[in-house]
C-alpha atoms as a PDB file:
ATOM      1  CA  MET A   1      -0.435 -48.883 205.535  1.00  0.00           C
ATOM      2  CA  THR A   2      -2.934 -51.487 204.376  1.00  0.00           C
ATOM      3  CA  LEU A   3      -4.230 -51.477 200.843  1.00  0.00           C
ATOM      4  CA  GLN A   4      -7.760 -52.530 200.026  1.00  0.00           C
ATOM      5  CA  LEU A   5      -8.517 -54.681 197.012  1.00  0.00           C
ATOM      6  CA  GLU A   6     -12.095 -54.577 195.798  1.00  0.00           C
ATOM      7  CA  HIS A   7     -13.168 -57.187 193.283  1.00  0.00           C
ATOM      8  CA  PHE A   8     -15.933 -56.778 190.719  1.00  0.00           C
ATOM      9  CA  ILE A   9     -17.093 -59.283 188.102  1.00  0.00           C
ATOM     10  CA  LEU A  10     -18.132 -57.477 184.935  1.00  0.00           C
ATOM     11  CA  GLY A  11     -19.657 -58.359 181.581  1.00  0.00           C
ATOM     12  CA  GLU A  12     -20.846 -61.479 179.809  1.00  0.00           C
ATOM     13  CA  LEU A  13     -17.428 -63.123 180.096  1.00  0.00           C
ATOM     14  CA  SER A  14     -17.241 -62.562 183.876  1.00  0.00           C
ATOM     15  CA  THR A  15     -14.077 -60.500 183.812  1.00  0.00           C
ATOM     16  CA  ASN A  16     -12.341 -59.800 187.105  1.00  0.00           C
ATOM     17  CA  CYS A  17     -11.994 -56.052 187.568  1.00  0.00           C
ATOM     18  CA  TYR A  18      -9.934 -54.798 190.497  1.00  0.00           C
ATOM     19  CA  LEU A  19     -10.032 -51.502 192.360  1.00  0.00           C
ATOM     20  CA  ILE A  20      -6.977 -51.042 194.600  1.00  0.00           C
ATOM     21  CA  HIS A  21      -6.826 -48.122 197.020  1.00  0.00           C
ATOM     22  CA  ASP A  22      -5.598 -46.852 200.371  1.00  0.00           C
ATOM     23  CA  GLY A  23      -8.660 -44.757 201.132  1.00  0.00           C
ATOM     24  CA  ALA A  24      -7.297 -41.805 199.160  1.00  0.00           C
ATOM     25  CA  GLU A  25      -5.478 -42.859 195.972  1.00  0.00           C
ATOM     26  CA  ALA A  26      -6.640 -45.673 193.681  1.00  0.00           C
ATOM     27  CA  PHE A  27      -6.077 -47.509 190.449  1.00  0.00           C
ATOM     28  CA  LEU A  28      -8.416 -49.679 188.415  1.00  0.00           C
ATOM     29  CA  ILE A  29      -7.442 -52.836 186.525  1.00  0.00           C
ATOM     30  CA  ASP A  30      -9.350 -54.193 183.506  1.00  0.00           C
ATOM     31  CA  PRO A  31     -12.647 -52.289 183.431  1.00  0.00           C
ATOM     32  CA  ALA A  32     -14.522 -54.723 181.202  1.00  0.00           C
ATOM     33  CA  THR A  33     -17.648 -52.594 180.904  1.00  0.00           C
ATOM     34  CA  PRO A  34     -18.997 -49.278 182.119  1.00  0.00           C
ATOM     35  CA  SER A  35     -19.902 -49.704 185.792  1.00  0.00           C
ATOM     36  CA  TRP A  36     -21.966 -47.251 187.802  1.00  0.00           C
ATOM     37  CA  GLU A  37     -21.270 -49.402 190.861  1.00  0.00           C
ATOM     38  CA  ILE A  38     -17.518 -48.852 190.602  1.00  0.00           C
ATOM     39  CA  LYS A  39     -17.979 -45.172 189.742  1.00  0.00           C
ATOM     40  CA  GLU A  40     -20.110 -44.665 192.837  1.00  0.00           C
ATOM     41  CA  GLU A  41     -17.636 -46.597 194.963  1.00  0.00           C
ATOM     42  CA  ILE A  42     -14.820 -44.296 193.833  1.00  0.00           C
ATOM     43  CA  GLU A  43     -16.889 -41.159 194.365  1.00  0.00           C
ATOM     44  CA  THR A  44     -18.432 -42.223 197.682  1.00  0.00           C
ATOM     45  CA  ARG A  45     -14.994 -42.961 199.110  1.00  0.00           C
ATOM     46  CA  ASN A  46     -13.662 -39.738 197.547  1.00  0.00           C
ATOM     47  CA  LEU A  47     -10.822 -41.662 195.917  1.00  0.00           C
ATOM     48  CA  GLY A  48      -8.421 -40.066 193.507  1.00  0.00           C
ATOM     49  CA  LEU A  49      -8.343 -42.485 190.575  1.00  0.00           C
ATOM     50  CA  ARG A  50      -4.765 -42.295 189.365  1.00  0.00           C
ATOM     51  CA  TYR A  51      -4.574 -45.074 186.745  1.00  0.00           C
ATOM     52  CA  ILE A  52      -6.848 -47.221 184.572  1.00  0.00           C
ATOM     53  CA  ILE A  53      -4.752 -50.226 183.571  1.00  0.00           C
ATOM     54  CA  ASN A  54      -5.522 -52.764 180.832  1.00  0.00           C
ATOM     55  CA  THR A  55      -3.657 -56.055 181.073  1.00  0.00           C
ATOM     56  CA  HIS A  56      -4.365 -56.483 177.358  1.00  0.00           C
ATOM     57  CA  GLY A  57      -6.543 -55.157 174.560  1.00  0.00           C
ATOM     58  CA  HIS A  58      -9.551 -57.480 174.315  1.00  0.00           C
ATOM     59  CA  ILE A  59     -13.024 -55.972 174.665  1.00  0.00           C
ATOM     60  CA  ASP A  60     -13.725 -57.830 177.918  1.00  0.00           C
ATOM     61  CA  HIS A  61     -10.821 -55.922 179.501  1.00  0.00           C
ATOM     62  CA  ILE A  62     -11.101 -52.496 177.828  1.00  0.00           C
ATOM     63  CA  GLY A  63     -14.853 -52.021 177.362  1.00  0.00           C
ATOM     64  CA  GLY A  64     -15.100 -49.562 180.262  1.00  0.00           C
ATOM     65  CA  ASN A  65     -12.141 -47.385 179.264  1.00  0.00           C
ATOM     66  CA  ALA A  66     -14.190 -44.601 177.678  1.00  0.00           C
ATOM     67  CA  PHE A  67     -16.686 -44.551 180.554  1.00  0.00           C
ATOM     68  CA  PHE A  68     -14.053 -44.224 183.252  1.00  0.00           C
ATOM     69  CA  LYS A  69     -11.967 -41.711 181.303  1.00  0.00           C
ATOM     70  CA  GLU A  70     -15.080 -39.604 180.841  1.00  0.00           C
ATOM     71  CA  HIS A  71     -15.933 -39.607 184.538  1.00  0.00           C
ATOM     72  CA  PHE A  72     -12.356 -39.490 185.837  1.00  0.00           C
ATOM     73  CA  PRO A  73     -10.415 -37.540 183.191  1.00  0.00           C
ATOM     74  CA  GLN A  74      -7.398 -37.146 185.475  1.00  0.00           C
ATOM     75  CA  ALA A  75      -6.818 -40.930 185.486  1.00  0.00           C
ATOM     76  CA  GLN A  76      -4.093 -42.109 183.134  1.00  0.00           C
ATOM     77  CA  LEU A  77      -4.995 -44.978 180.810  1.00  0.00           C
ATOM     78  CA  VAL A  78      -2.220 -47.595 180.610  1.00  0.00           C
ATOM     79  CA  ILE A  79      -1.669 -50.559 178.237  1.00  0.00           C
ATOM     80  CA  GLY A  80       1.203 -52.591 176.791  1.00  0.00           C
ATOM     81  CA  GLU A  81       2.809 -51.100 173.689  1.00  0.00           C
ATOM     82  CA  ARG A  82       2.133 -54.048 171.391  1.00  0.00           C
ATOM     83  CA  ASP A  83      -1.589 -53.949 172.210  1.00  0.00           C
ATOM     84  CA  LEU A  84      -1.972 -50.280 171.316  1.00  0.00           C
ATOM     85  CA  ILE A  85      -3.509 -51.235 167.987  1.00  0.00           C
ATOM     86  CA  TYR A  86      -6.128 -53.371 169.751  1.00  0.00           C
ATOM     87  CA  LEU A  87      -7.663 -50.288 171.350  1.00  0.00           C
ATOM     88  CA  THR A  88      -8.805 -48.883 168.011  1.00  0.00           C
ATOM     89  CA  ASN A  89      -9.311 -52.031 165.931  1.00  0.00           C
ATOM     90  CA  PRO A  90     -12.652 -53.774 166.615  1.00  0.00           C
ATOM     91  CA  ASP A  91     -11.484 -56.901 164.791  1.00  0.00           C
ATOM     92  CA  LEU A  92      -8.448 -57.287 167.024  1.00  0.00           C
ATOM     93  CA  ASN A  93     -10.172 -56.321 170.265  1.00  0.00           C
ATOM     94  CA  LEU A  94     -13.020 -58.724 169.368  1.00  0.00           C
ATOM     95  CA  SER A  95     -15.764 -56.183 169.986  1.00  0.00           C
ATOM     96  CA  ARG A  96     -17.152 -56.706 166.488  1.00  0.00           C
ATOM     97  CA  ASP A  97     -17.703 -60.376 167.368  1.00  0.00           C
ATOM     98  CA  PHE A  98     -18.922 -60.048 170.947  1.00  0.00           C
ATOM     99  CA  SER A  99     -21.051 -56.912 170.907  1.00  0.00           C
ATOM    100  CA  SER A 100     -20.741 -53.857 168.687  1.00  0.00           C
ATOM    101  CA  PRO A 101     -17.539 -52.284 167.364  1.00  0.00           C
ATOM    102  CA  PHE A 102     -15.710 -50.495 170.171  1.00  0.00           C
ATOM    103  CA  ILE A 103     -12.895 -47.982 169.941  1.00  0.00           C
ATOM    104  CA  SER A 104     -11.150 -47.060 173.179  1.00  0.00           C
ATOM    105  CA  PRO A 105      -9.517 -43.760 174.026  1.00  0.00           C
ATOM    106  CA  LEU A 106      -5.784 -43.824 173.402  1.00  0.00           C
ATOM    107  CA  PRO A 107      -3.515 -44.438 176.385  1.00  0.00           C
ATOM    108  CA  ASP A 108      -1.731 -41.780 178.393  1.00  0.00           C
ATOM    109  CA  TRP A 109       1.114 -44.128 179.317  1.00  0.00           C
ATOM    110  CA  VAL A 110       2.453 -47.137 177.432  1.00  0.00           C
ATOM    111  CA  VAL A 111       4.252 -50.139 178.927  1.00  0.00           C
ATOM    112  CA  ARG A 112       7.406 -51.030 176.997  1.00  0.00           C
ATOM    113  CA  GLU A 113      10.805 -52.600 177.611  1.00  0.00           C
ATOM    114  CA  ASN A 114      12.338 -49.396 178.942  1.00  0.00           C
ATOM    115  CA  ASN A 115       9.227 -48.228 180.782  1.00  0.00           C
ATOM    116  CA  LEU A 116       8.198 -50.960 183.218  1.00  0.00           C
ATOM    117  CA  PHE A 117       7.364 -49.039 186.401  1.00  0.00           C
ATOM    118  CA  LEU A 118       4.598 -46.736 187.562  1.00  0.00           C
ATOM    119  CA  ASN A 119       4.970 -44.603 190.656  1.00  0.00           C
ATOM    120  CA  THR A 120       2.243 -44.986 193.269  1.00  0.00           C
ATOM    121  CA  PRO A 121       1.891 -43.695 196.837  1.00  0.00           C
ATOM    122  CA  TRP A 122       2.798 -47.241 197.920  1.00  0.00           C
ATOM    123  CA  GLY A 123       5.993 -47.593 195.931  1.00  0.00           C
ATOM    124  CA  LYS A 124       6.623 -48.731 192.400  1.00  0.00           C
ATOM    125  CA  LEU A 125       4.086 -50.816 190.521  1.00  0.00           C
ATOM    126  CA  SER A 126       6.091 -53.011 188.164  1.00  0.00           C
ATOM    127  CA  PHE A 127       5.058 -54.593 184.875  1.00  0.00           C
ATOM    128  CA  LEU A 128       6.135 -57.834 183.283  1.00  0.00           C
ATOM    129  CA  LEU A 129       5.738 -58.142 179.515  1.00  0.00           C
ATOM    130  CA  THR A 130       3.887 -61.434 179.003  1.00  0.00           C
ATOM    131  CA  PRO A 131       3.012 -61.934 175.313  1.00  0.00           C
ATOM    132  CA  GLY A 132       1.073 -65.001 174.268  1.00  0.00           C
ATOM    133  CA  HIS A 133      -2.618 -64.377 174.820  1.00  0.00           C
ATOM    134  CA  THR A 134      -2.036 -61.135 172.918  1.00  0.00           C
ATOM    135  CA  PRO A 135       1.291 -59.632 171.788  1.00  0.00           C
ATOM    136  CA  GLY A 136       1.090 -56.821 174.336  1.00  0.00           C
ATOM    137  CA  SER A 137      -0.257 -58.645 177.373  1.00  0.00           C
ATOM    138  CA  VAL A 138       1.243 -57.476 180.668  1.00  0.00           C
ATOM    139  CA  CYS A 139       1.147 -58.618 184.279  1.00  0.00           C
ATOM    140  CA  LEU A 140       1.300 -56.158 187.172  1.00  0.00           C
ATOM    141  CA  PHE A 141       3.150 -56.724 190.427  1.00  0.00           C
ATOM    142  CA  LEU A 142       2.560 -54.687 193.576  1.00  0.00           C
ATOM    143  CA  PRO A 143       5.515 -55.500 195.872  1.00  0.00           C
ATOM    144  CA  VAL A 144       4.088 -53.851 198.991  1.00  0.00           C
ATOM    145  CA  GLU A 145       1.321 -56.496 199.125  1.00  0.00           C
ATOM    146  CA  ASN A 146       2.967 -59.296 197.119  1.00  0.00           C
ATOM    147  CA  TRP A 147       0.090 -59.166 194.615  1.00  0.00           C
ATOM    148  CA  LEU A 148       0.354 -60.226 190.975  1.00  0.00           C
ATOM    149  CA  PHE A 149      -2.405 -59.307 188.516  1.00  0.00           C
ATOM    150  CA  SER A 150      -1.988 -61.807 185.698  1.00  0.00           C
ATOM    151  CA  GLY A 151      -4.682 -60.794 183.209  1.00  0.00           C
ATOM    152  CA  ASP A 152      -5.407 -63.644 180.793  1.00  0.00           C
ATOM    153  CA  THR A 153      -1.870 -65.023 180.917  1.00  0.00           C
ATOM    154  CA  LEU A 154      -2.209 -67.211 184.016  1.00  0.00           C
ATOM    155  CA  PHE A 155      -5.419 -68.574 185.522  1.00  0.00           C
ATOM    156  CA  ALA A 156      -6.006 -70.868 188.468  1.00  0.00           C
ATOM    157  CA  GLY A 157      -5.179 -74.256 186.973  1.00  0.00           C
ATOM    158  CA  SER A 158      -4.949 -72.990 183.418  1.00  0.00           C
ATOM    159  CA  VAL A 159      -3.743 -70.293 181.007  1.00  0.00           C
ATOM    160  CA  GLY A 160      -5.216 -67.894 178.472  1.00  0.00           C
ATOM    161  CA  ARG A 161      -6.170 -69.082 175.021  1.00  0.00           C
ATOM    162  CA  THR A 162      -3.811 -68.413 172.123  1.00  0.00           C
ATOM    163  CA  ASP A 163      -6.026 -69.067 169.094  1.00  0.00           C
ATOM    164  CA  LEU A 164      -7.208 -65.452 168.798  1.00  0.00           C
ATOM    165  CA  PRO A 165      -5.569 -62.802 166.566  1.00  0.00           C
ATOM    166  CA  GLY A 166      -1.994 -62.190 167.673  1.00  0.00           C
ATOM    167  CA  GLY A 167      -1.902 -65.160 170.026  1.00  0.00           C
ATOM    168  CA  SER A 168       1.127 -67.430 170.333  1.00  0.00           C
ATOM    169  CA  PHE A 169       1.300 -70.578 172.439  1.00  0.00           C
ATOM    170  CA  ARG A 170       5.099 -70.569 172.329  1.00  0.00           C
ATOM    171  CA  ASP A 171       5.185 -66.995 173.620  1.00  0.00           C
ATOM    172  CA  LEU A 172       2.657 -67.831 176.320  1.00  0.00           C
ATOM    173  CA  ILE A 173       4.766 -70.678 177.683  1.00  0.00           C
ATOM    174  CA  SER A 174       7.821 -68.392 177.683  1.00  0.00           C
ATOM    175  CA  SER A 175       5.798 -65.796 179.569  1.00  0.00           C
ATOM    176  CA  LEU A 176       4.694 -68.374 182.121  1.00  0.00           C
ATOM    177  CA  GLU A 177       8.314 -69.323 182.661  1.00  0.00           C
ATOM    178  CA  GLU A 178       9.145 -65.659 183.183  1.00  0.00           C
ATOM    179  CA  ILE A 179       6.401 -65.331 185.786  1.00  0.00           C
ATOM    180  CA  PHE A 180       7.449 -68.389 187.767  1.00  0.00           C
ATOM    181  CA  ASN A 181      11.120 -67.378 187.615  1.00  0.00           C
ATOM    182  CA  SER A 182      10.491 -63.764 188.602  1.00  0.00           C
ATOM    183  CA  PHE A 183       8.366 -64.117 191.718  1.00  0.00           C
ATOM    184  CA  PRO A 184       8.376 -66.226 194.896  1.00  0.00           C
ATOM    185  CA  ASP A 185       5.836 -68.975 195.512  1.00  0.00           C
ATOM    186  CA  THR A 186       4.117 -66.833 198.145  1.00  0.00           C
ATOM    187  CA  VAL A 187       2.846 -64.329 195.570  1.00  0.00           C
ATOM    188  CA  SER A 188      -0.949 -64.050 195.441  1.00  0.00           C
ATOM    189  CA  VAL A 189      -2.291 -64.170 191.887  1.00  0.00           C
ATOM    190  CA  PHE A 190      -5.372 -62.256 190.752  1.00  0.00           C
ATOM    191  CA  PRO A 191      -6.259 -63.389 187.210  1.00  0.00           C
ATOM    192  CA  GLY A 192      -8.475 -61.846 184.578  1.00  0.00           C
ATOM    193  CA  HIS A 193     -11.121 -64.539 185.003  1.00  0.00           C
ATOM    194  CA  GLY A 194     -11.946 -67.159 187.595  1.00  0.00           C
ATOM    195  CA  PRO A 195     -10.757 -67.680 191.171  1.00  0.00           C
ATOM    196  CA  PHE A 196      -7.705 -66.201 192.844  1.00  0.00           C
ATOM    197  CA  THR A 197      -4.667 -68.408 193.388  1.00  0.00           C
ATOM    198  CA  ASN A 198      -0.960 -68.272 194.256  1.00  0.00           C
ATOM    199  CA  LEU A 199       2.201 -69.439 192.547  1.00  0.00           C
ATOM    200  CA  ALA A 200       2.832 -72.275 194.988  1.00  0.00           C
ATOM    201  CA  ARG A 201      -0.562 -73.799 194.176  1.00  0.00           C
ATOM    202  CA  GLU A 202      -0.018 -73.358 190.451  1.00  0.00           C
ATOM    203  CA  LYS A 203       3.286 -75.222 190.638  1.00  0.00           C
ATOM    204  CA  LYS A 204       1.394 -78.150 192.098  1.00  0.00           C
ATOM    205  CA  GLU A 205      -1.830 -78.035 190.088  1.00  0.00           C
ATOM    206  CA  ASN A 206      -1.487 -76.065 186.859  1.00  0.00           C
ATOM    207  CA  PHE A 207      -1.385 -78.457 183.895  1.00  0.00           C
ATOM    208  CA  TYR A 208       0.646 -76.096 181.740  1.00  0.00           C
ATOM    209  CA  TYR A 209       3.283 -75.535 184.396  1.00  0.00           C
ATOM    210  CA  LEU A 210       3.545 -79.261 185.069  1.00  0.00           C
ATOM    211  CA  GLN A 211       3.569 -80.188 181.386  1.00  0.00           C
ATOM    212  CA  TYR A 212       5.971 -77.566 180.024  1.00  0.00           C
ATOM    213  CA  LEU A 213       7.935 -75.975 182.858  1.00  0.00           C
ATOM    214  CA  ALA A 214       8.307 -78.328 185.814  1.00  0.00           C
ATOM    215  CA  ARG A 215      11.747 -79.825 186.294  1.00  0.00           C
ATOM    216  CA  ASP A 216      12.242 -83.384 187.545  1.00  0.00           C
END
């Protein structure tokens, strides 16, 4: 079985949105805005959208939640527990600053310490709690393809900012350490913004890994 990963760039902040499917079942990661293109792609392929997953609660990652829940009500909305409050607080989710105040539907499933796996037709989708960019940021790992969706925690050559409400640089560095210790170098990384990468490349080129985590 081969999974397909479709990549869309949405919104003013060029958020990476990912649609993963096997031709029948699908899940959507970080719908930044409503997207008729993605809706039509799901409907044209007759995909069953099982999950809508937010890596964290900023507007450029949750702005399409209401749209996709409206059109695919069977899909379960998923977010990290500590970012629950971001969904309904326009000051925390930054929508008041970037556009107009936005309140997302509440999630159907919450990622927490004792609830780190989702069942999919392709095996378990696992979550890693990665606070720093926001308190409830999560990364998703799909073992069957060796894919890691890192949200705004890890970028190619960089990391997410920590000067926004709830951010913590110390937590972010701890989360980076957790990522690099949890997965092999061969893992492909699909971040919330910018180009794709892998952990081997980040160990060689990422300033924050080299500055704070690399061992002599």
